[in-house]
Amino acid sequence: MLQVALVDLRKHSATFGARNTLYLGTLRRWQMVIPPGIAHGYKVIGTAPAMLVYLTDRFYDPKDEGRIPYNDQKIQYDWETQHK
C-alpha cells in the first residue's frame, strides 16, 4: 500500500497550494497521471512490500528534475497516515 501526496505548485492554477492524498495498493491498482507542476511523493504503508512503476512521456532530462524535502515548511504536508 502506498500513501501518495500531491501538492499543486503551479502559481497560476486555481488550485495552487492545494494538497491531496491518495492510497494505492492491491485493492486500488490505479494508474495516475501527474501533470508538470504537481509536487508528488509517496511512502509505503502497511506490512506487505509495495511496487511502484514510474513512466514518463519523454526521455529523462536532469533539467526537468526537482527535489523538495519531505518536510518542507512551505508545503507543510502531514505525512502521518490519514484515516479516511
Protein backbone atom coordinates (compact mmCIF):
# COMPACT_ATOMS: atom_id res chain seq x y z
CA MET A 1 0.00 0.00 0.00
CA LEU A 2 1.28 3.46 -0.91
CA GLN A 3 0.29 6.82 0.53
CA VAL A 4 0.70 9.28 -2.35
CA ALA A 5 0.96 13.00 -1.62
CA LEU A 6 0.15 15.61 -4.27
CA VAL A 7 0.59 19.39 -3.96
CA ASP A 8 -0.22 21.91 -6.71
CA LEU A 9 2.79 24.22 -7.18
CA ARG A 10 1.52 25.88 -10.37
CA LYS A 11 1.38 29.58 -9.39
CA HIS A 12 -1.38 30.50 -11.88
CA SER A 13 -3.56 27.48 -11.13
CA ALA A 14 -6.96 27.86 -9.46
CA THR A 15 -5.87 25.07 -7.12
CA PHE A 16 -2.41 26.49 -6.31
CA GLY A 17 -1.27 25.18 -2.92
CA ALA A 18 -3.98 22.52 -2.70
CA ARG A 19 -2.92 19.19 -1.21
CA ASN A 20 -4.38 15.75 -1.85
CA THR A 21 -3.64 12.28 -0.52
CA LEU A 22 -4.43 9.05 -2.34
CA TYR A 23 -3.97 5.47 -1.18
CA LEU A 24 -2.97 2.91 -3.79
CA GLY A 25 -2.30 -0.79 -3.46
CA THR A 26 -3.64 -4.26 -4.03
CA LEU A 27 -7.28 -3.19 -3.78
CA ARG A 28 -6.67 0.09 -5.63
CA ARG A 29 -4.44 -0.70 -8.59
CA TRP A 30 -4.83 2.74 -10.06
CA GLN A 31 -2.81 4.49 -12.68
CA MET A 32 -2.10 8.14 -12.00
CA VAL A 33 -1.23 10.91 -14.41
CA ILE A 34 0.67 13.68 -12.64
CA PRO A 35 0.95 16.88 -14.70
CA PRO A 36 4.00 19.17 -14.64
CA GLY A 37 3.99 21.47 -11.64
CA ILE A 38 2.37 18.99 -9.26
CA ALA A 39 4.78 18.02 -6.50
CA HIS A 40 4.39 14.38 -5.58
CA GLY A 41 5.85 11.87 -3.21
CA TYR A 42 4.91 8.63 -1.57
CA LYS A 43 5.58 6.37 1.34
CA VAL A 44 4.95 2.66 1.72
CA ILE A 45 2.45 1.88 4.45
CA GLY A 46 1.21 -1.45 5.76
CA THR A 47 3.09 -4.69 6.20
CA ALA A 48 3.41 -6.00 2.63
CA PRO A 49 6.00 -4.88 0.08
CA ALA A 50 4.78 -2.33 -2.47
CA MET A 51 5.64 -1.90 -6.14
CA LEU A 52 5.72 1.45 -7.90
CA VAL A 53 6.17 1.69 -11.68
CA TYR A 54 7.08 5.17 -12.82
CA LEU A 55 6.64 6.06 -16.52
CA THR A 56 7.38 9.34 -18.24
CA ASP A 57 6.23 10.86 -21.52
CA ARG A 58 9.77 11.67 -22.71
CA PHE A 59 13.39 10.73 -22.17
CA TYR A 60 14.96 11.70 -18.86
CA ASP A 61 16.46 15.18 -18.74
CA PRO A 62 18.19 16.20 -15.47
CA LYS A 63 16.99 19.81 -16.03
CA ASP A 64 13.40 18.58 -15.51
CA GLU A 65 14.26 17.17 -12.12
CA GLY A 66 13.36 19.00 -8.94
CA ARG A 67 13.64 17.89 -5.34
CA ILE A 68 11.71 19.15 -2.36
CA PRO A 69 12.42 17.80 1.13
CA TYR A 70 9.58 15.71 2.52
CA ASN A 71 9.28 18.11 5.46
CA ASP A 72 9.48 21.41 3.53
CA GLN A 73 7.76 24.10 5.62
CA LYS A 74 6.32 25.84 2.54
CA ILE A 75 4.30 22.75 1.66
CA GLN A 76 3.51 21.57 5.19
CA TYR A 77 2.30 18.12 4.16
CA ASP A 78 1.31 15.87 7.06
CA TRP A 79 2.96 12.50 6.38
CA GLU A 80 1.06 10.73 9.15
CA THR A 81 -1.33 8.15 7.73
CA GLN A 82 -4.66 9.90 7.29
CA HIS A 83 -7.53 7.55 8.07
CA LYS A 84 -10.28 8.50 5.65
